[in-house]
């Protein structure tokens, strides 16, 4: 058996093929795992734990079904779903992870992150991240009716797409110095993160030692799953 890691699914009820792929994964592959870790941006947008739309409940049901099978489910917020809170935990049975979090992965101390905090060259994203994660902003946003929050989320996504289009790819990638600094700070030689949609296993040096940065892929027509066991980790595509 393996521990599975995924991220950046950006689930949206308006994407039926992606919905089908996620449901298939949750019913066929996830139940065979030692544990499932979702490292951010599970949803295209999360507007609050009180989102009771039928489309949202479909995804919640799949997460809950896995938890009810006794498979440990760990979820980290990303830049699209940073409003996960106690209500989400209650509905899904998951355990929310802080960003960053260190786990023991088959004897290897491993740093888990969503990854956007490592993109330090993207100044606009970092400023937006700081504002949106503030208690004041979250309190004001969540105090609005659900319908208004849904509309605002659409507007934020539109601005995000424009930023992605207008910003050079190199700026939106992680900063190598930030990566090394994070691994040194937490005294680890292995990092797993998502966010950049650039799946790859990167060798690097940390404090003169061989280290590894594993980047999870995003989901679309196919999925991207990291399988880890006592032997090591391997990125694999996932399809129905």
Protein backbone atom coordinates (compact mmCIF):
# COMPACT_ATOMS: atom_id res chain seq x y z
CA UNK A 1 0.00 0.00 0.00
CA UNK A 2 0.99 3.62 -0.50
CA UNK A 3 0.28 7.04 0.88
CA UNK A 4 -1.24 9.21 -1.84
CA UNK A 5 -0.80 12.93 -2.41
CA UNK A 6 -2.84 15.13 -4.75
CA UNK A 7 -3.45 18.84 -5.18
CA UNK A 8 -4.84 21.47 -7.52
CA UNK A 9 -7.97 19.66 -8.63
CA UNK A 10 -9.90 22.95 -8.78
CA UNK A 11 -13.20 21.09 -8.52
CA UNK A 12 -16.09 22.91 -10.16
CA UNK A 13 -19.56 21.56 -10.85
CA UNK A 14 -19.38 23.17 -14.31
CA UNK A 15 -16.63 20.71 -15.27
CA UNK A 16 -18.42 17.35 -15.50
CA UNK A 17 -15.44 15.37 -16.82
CA UNK A 18 -13.28 16.53 -13.92
CA UNK A 19 -16.09 15.70 -11.51
CA UNK A 20 -16.32 12.19 -12.96
CA UNK A 21 -12.55 11.75 -12.67
CA UNK A 22 -12.54 12.86 -9.03
CA UNK A 23 -15.45 10.60 -8.10
CA UNK A 24 -13.77 7.65 -9.81
CA UNK A 25 -10.52 8.30 -7.94
CA UNK A 26 -12.26 8.63 -4.59
CA UNK A 27 -14.15 5.39 -5.08
CA UNK A 28 -11.54 3.24 -6.80
CA UNK A 29 -8.00 4.30 -5.86
CA UNK A 30 -8.23 6.37 -2.67
CA UNK A 31 -9.77 3.53 -0.60
CA UNK A 32 -6.67 1.39 -1.28
CA UNK A 33 -4.31 3.94 0.28
CA UNK A 34 -2.68 4.07 3.69
CA UNK A 35 -3.76 7.73 3.74
CA UNK A 36 -4.74 10.51 1.33
CA UNK A 37 -3.22 13.98 1.51
CA UNK A 38 -4.76 16.84 -0.50
CA UNK A 39 -2.36 19.79 -0.54
CA UNK A 40 -4.54 22.70 -1.49
CA UNK A 41 -6.83 24.01 -4.22
CA UNK A 42 -9.13 21.02 -3.98
CA UNK A 43 -11.90 23.42 -5.03
CA UNK A 44 -11.83 26.15 -7.64
CA UNK A 45 -13.27 28.32 -4.89
CA UNK A 46 -14.52 27.72 -1.35
CA UNK A 47 -16.87 30.45 -0.17
CA UNK A 48 -17.55 29.13 3.34
CA UNK A 49 -18.40 26.00 5.27
CA UNK A 50 -22.12 26.82 4.97
CA UNK A 51 -22.11 26.32 1.20
CA UNK A 52 -25.05 23.90 0.91
CA UNK A 53 -25.43 23.87 -2.87
CA UNK A 54 -26.16 20.43 -4.33
CA UNK A 55 -23.03 20.62 -6.49
CA UNK A 56 -20.84 21.27 -3.44
CA UNK A 57 -22.49 18.49 -1.44
CA UNK A 58 -21.60 15.98 -4.17
CA UNK A 59 -17.90 16.56 -3.54
CA UNK A 60 -18.36 16.63 0.23
CA UNK A 61 -20.12 13.26 0.08
CA UNK A 62 -17.14 11.65 -1.66
CA UNK A 63 -14.72 12.98 0.94
CA UNK A 64 -16.99 11.83 3.77
CA UNK A 65 -17.39 8.38 2.26
CA UNK A 66 -13.61 7.92 2.26
CA UNK A 67 -13.32 9.06 5.87
CA UNK A 68 -16.12 6.70 6.86
CA UNK A 69 -14.10 3.83 5.37
CA UNK A 70 -11.40 4.57 7.91
CA UNK A 71 -8.88 5.99 5.42
CA UNK A 72 -7.06 8.93 7.04
CA UNK A 73 -7.87 12.07 5.03
CA UNK A 74 -5.66 15.12 5.42
CA UNK A 75 -6.46 18.38 3.65
CA UNK A 76 -4.42 21.58 3.42
CA UNK A 77 -5.89 24.86 2.27
CA UNK A 78 -4.65 26.41 -0.95
CA UNK A 79 -5.01 29.88 -2.37
CA UNK A 80 -8.49 28.99 -3.70
CA UNK A 81 -9.92 27.26 -0.63
CA UNK A 82 -8.29 29.03 2.33
CA UNK A 83 -11.67 29.42 4.05
CA UNK A 84 -11.87 25.79 5.17
CA UNK A 85 -12.77 25.70 8.85
CA UNK A 86 -14.41 23.55 11.52
CA UNK A 87 -17.61 23.12 9.54
CA UNK A 88 -15.72 21.62 6.63
CA UNK A 89 -13.97 19.21 8.98
CA UNK A 90 -17.30 18.13 10.45
CA UNK A 91 -18.86 17.59 7.03
CA UNK A 92 -15.95 15.60 5.57
CA UNK A 93 -14.32 13.88 8.54
CA UNK A 94 -10.93 15.15 7.38
CA UNK A 95 -8.07 16.60 9.41
CA UNK A 96 -7.05 20.10 8.33
CA UNK A 97 -3.31 20.63 8.01
CA UNK A 98 -1.45 23.84 8.66
CA UNK A 99 0.69 25.20 5.85
CA UNK A 100 3.47 24.21 6.35
CA UNK A 101 3.28 20.82 8.09
CA UNK A 102 5.98 18.21 8.72
CA UNK A 103 5.09 14.51 8.62
CA UNK A 104 7.03 11.29 9.03
CA UNK A 105 6.68 9.65 5.61
CA UNK A 106 7.88 6.08 6.05
CA UNK A 107 10.80 7.26 8.16
CA UNK A 108 11.57 10.36 6.07
CA UNK A 109 10.75 13.73 7.68
CA UNK A 110 8.82 15.49 4.92
CA UNK A 111 7.68 19.09 4.64
CA UNK A 112 4.21 19.58 3.14
CA UNK A 113 3.13 22.93 1.69
CA UNK A 114 0.61 24.20 -0.81
CA UNK A 115 3.46 26.01 -2.49
CA UNK A 116 2.22 29.51 -3.20
CA UNK A 117 4.16 31.01 -0.30
CA UNK A 118 7.34 29.88 -2.08
CA UNK A 119 6.55 31.98 -5.17
CA UNK A 120 8.19 35.03 -3.66
CA UNK A 121 8.98 36.64 -7.04
CA UNK A 122 5.23 37.03 -7.65
CA UNK A 123 4.85 40.13 -5.50
CA UNK A 124 1.23 40.75 -6.50
CA UNK A 125 0.21 37.24 -5.44
CA UNK A 126 2.03 37.56 -2.11
CA UNK A 127 0.31 40.87 -1.35
CA UNK A 128 -3.08 39.40 -2.25
CA UNK A 129 -2.34 36.29 -0.19
CA UNK A 130 -1.54 38.38 2.87
CA UNK A 131 -4.76 40.38 2.55
CA UNK A 132 -7.06 37.42 1.93
CA UNK A 133 -5.64 35.40 4.81
CA UNK A 134 -6.17 38.20 7.32
CA UNK A 135 -8.81 37.68 10.01
CA UNK A 136 -10.45 41.01 9.14
CA UNK A 137 -10.91 40.16 5.48
CA UNK A 138 -12.22 36.66 6.21
CA UNK A 139 -14.65 37.98 8.81
CA UNK A 140 -16.05 40.61 6.43
CA UNK A 141 -16.34 38.16 3.55
CA UNK A 142 -18.07 35.42 5.56
CA UNK A 143 -20.55 37.88 7.05
CA UNK A 144 -22.14 38.35 3.63
CA UNK A 145 -24.99 36.19 2.27
CA UNK A 146 -23.91 33.05 0.43
CA UNK A 147 -25.20 34.36 -2.90
CA UNK A 148 -23.00 37.47 -2.67
CA UNK A 149 -19.95 35.42 -1.69
CA UNK A 150 -20.43 33.16 -4.72
CA UNK A 151 -20.56 36.19 -7.01
CA UNK A 152 -17.48 37.73 -5.45
CA UNK A 153 -15.60 34.45 -5.84
CA UNK A 154 -16.35 34.54 -9.57
CA UNK A 155 -14.94 38.04 -9.75
CA UNK A 156 -11.78 37.03 -7.86
CA UNK A 157 -11.29 34.07 -10.22
CA UNK A 158 -11.60 36.39 -13.21
CA UNK A 159 -8.91 38.67 -11.78
CA UNK A 160 -6.73 35.66 -11.04
CA UNK A 161 -6.99 34.41 -14.62
CA UNK A 162 -5.94 37.84 -15.89
CA UNK A 163 -2.96 37.85 -13.53
CA UNK A 164 -1.91 34.41 -14.78
CA UNK A 165 -2.18 35.57 -18.37
CA UNK A 166 -0.21 38.77 -17.82
CA UNK A 167 2.57 37.40 -15.60
CA UNK A 168 5.67 35.60 -16.97
CA UNK A 169 5.75 31.92 -16.05
CA UNK A 170 9.15 32.20 -14.39
CA UNK A 171 7.80 34.74 -11.90
CA UNK A 172 4.90 32.47 -10.95
CA UNK A 173 7.19 29.53 -10.20
CA UNK A 174 8.80 28.93 -6.82
CA UNK A 175 11.91 30.82 -5.84
CA UNK A 176 14.80 28.40 -5.30
CA UNK A 177 16.22 30.38 -2.40
CA UNK A 178 12.78 30.35 -0.72
CA UNK A 179 12.60 26.58 -1.16
CA UNK A 180 16.01 25.97 0.37
CA UNK A 181 15.30 28.41 3.21
CA UNK A 182 12.03 26.63 4.07
CA UNK A 183 13.72 23.22 4.08
CA UNK A 184 16.58 24.53 6.21
CA UNK A 185 14.16 26.15 8.65
CA UNK A 186 12.30 22.89 9.15
CA UNK A 187 15.42 20.70 8.94
CA UNK A 188 14.11 18.39 6.20
CA UNK A 189 15.52 16.91 3.01
CA UNK A 190 12.17 16.27 1.33
CA UNK A 191 9.45 18.74 0.35
CA UNK A 192 6.11 18.00 -1.33
CA UNK A 193 4.00 20.85 -2.67
CA UNK A 194 1.54 21.82 -5.39
CA UNK A 195 0.28 25.16 -6.72
CA UNK A 196 2.58 25.61 -9.73
CA UNK A 197 0.96 22.87 -11.86
CA UNK A 198 4.43 21.68 -12.90
CA UNK A 199 4.70 18.05 -11.75
CA UNK A 200 8.28 16.93 -11.35
CA UNK A 201 10.74 15.54 -8.83
CA UNK A 202 13.64 18.00 -8.44
CA UNK A 203 16.95 16.99 -6.82
CA UNK A 204 18.68 19.77 -4.89
CA UNK A 205 21.20 20.36 -2.14
CA UNK A 206 20.25 21.52 1.36
CA UNK A 207 23.02 22.14 3.88
CA UNK A 208 25.39 20.16 1.69
CA UNK A 209 23.10 17.12 1.61
CA UNK A 210 21.11 15.54 -1.23
CA UNK A 211 17.49 16.64 -1.00
CA UNK A 212 14.33 16.38 -3.04
CA UNK A 213 11.46 18.72 -3.99
CA UNK A 214 8.39 16.94 -5.33
CA UNK A 215 5.84 19.05 -7.22
CA UNK A 216 2.31 17.70 -7.57
CA UNK A 217 0.44 18.16 -10.83
CA UNK A 218 -2.94 19.75 -11.46
CA UNK A 219 -6.03 17.86 -12.63
CA UNK A 220 -7.89 18.21 -15.91
CA UNK A 221 -8.60 15.51 -18.48
CA UNK A 222 -6.31 13.32 -16.39
CA UNK A 223 -5.28 13.41 -12.76
CA UNK A 224 -1.87 13.49 -11.11
CA UNK A 225 -1.14 11.35 -8.07
CA UNK A 226 2.02 10.96 -6.02
CA UNK A 227 2.44 7.42 -4.65
CA UNK A 228 4.82 7.08 -1.70
CA UNK A 229 5.87 3.94 0.16
CA UNK A 230 8.91 2.60 1.99
CA UNK A 231 10.85 2.39 -1.27
CA UNK A 232 10.24 5.96 -2.42
CA UNK A 233 7.83 8.25 -4.25
CA UNK A 234 6.55 8.19 -7.83
CA UNK A 235 4.33 10.60 -9.74
CA UNK A 236 1.69 8.83 -11.80
CA UNK A 237 -1.11 10.04 -14.08
CA UNK A 238 -4.67 9.02 -13.23
CA UNK A 239 -7.48 8.42 -15.66
CA UNK A 240 -10.86 6.67 -15.73
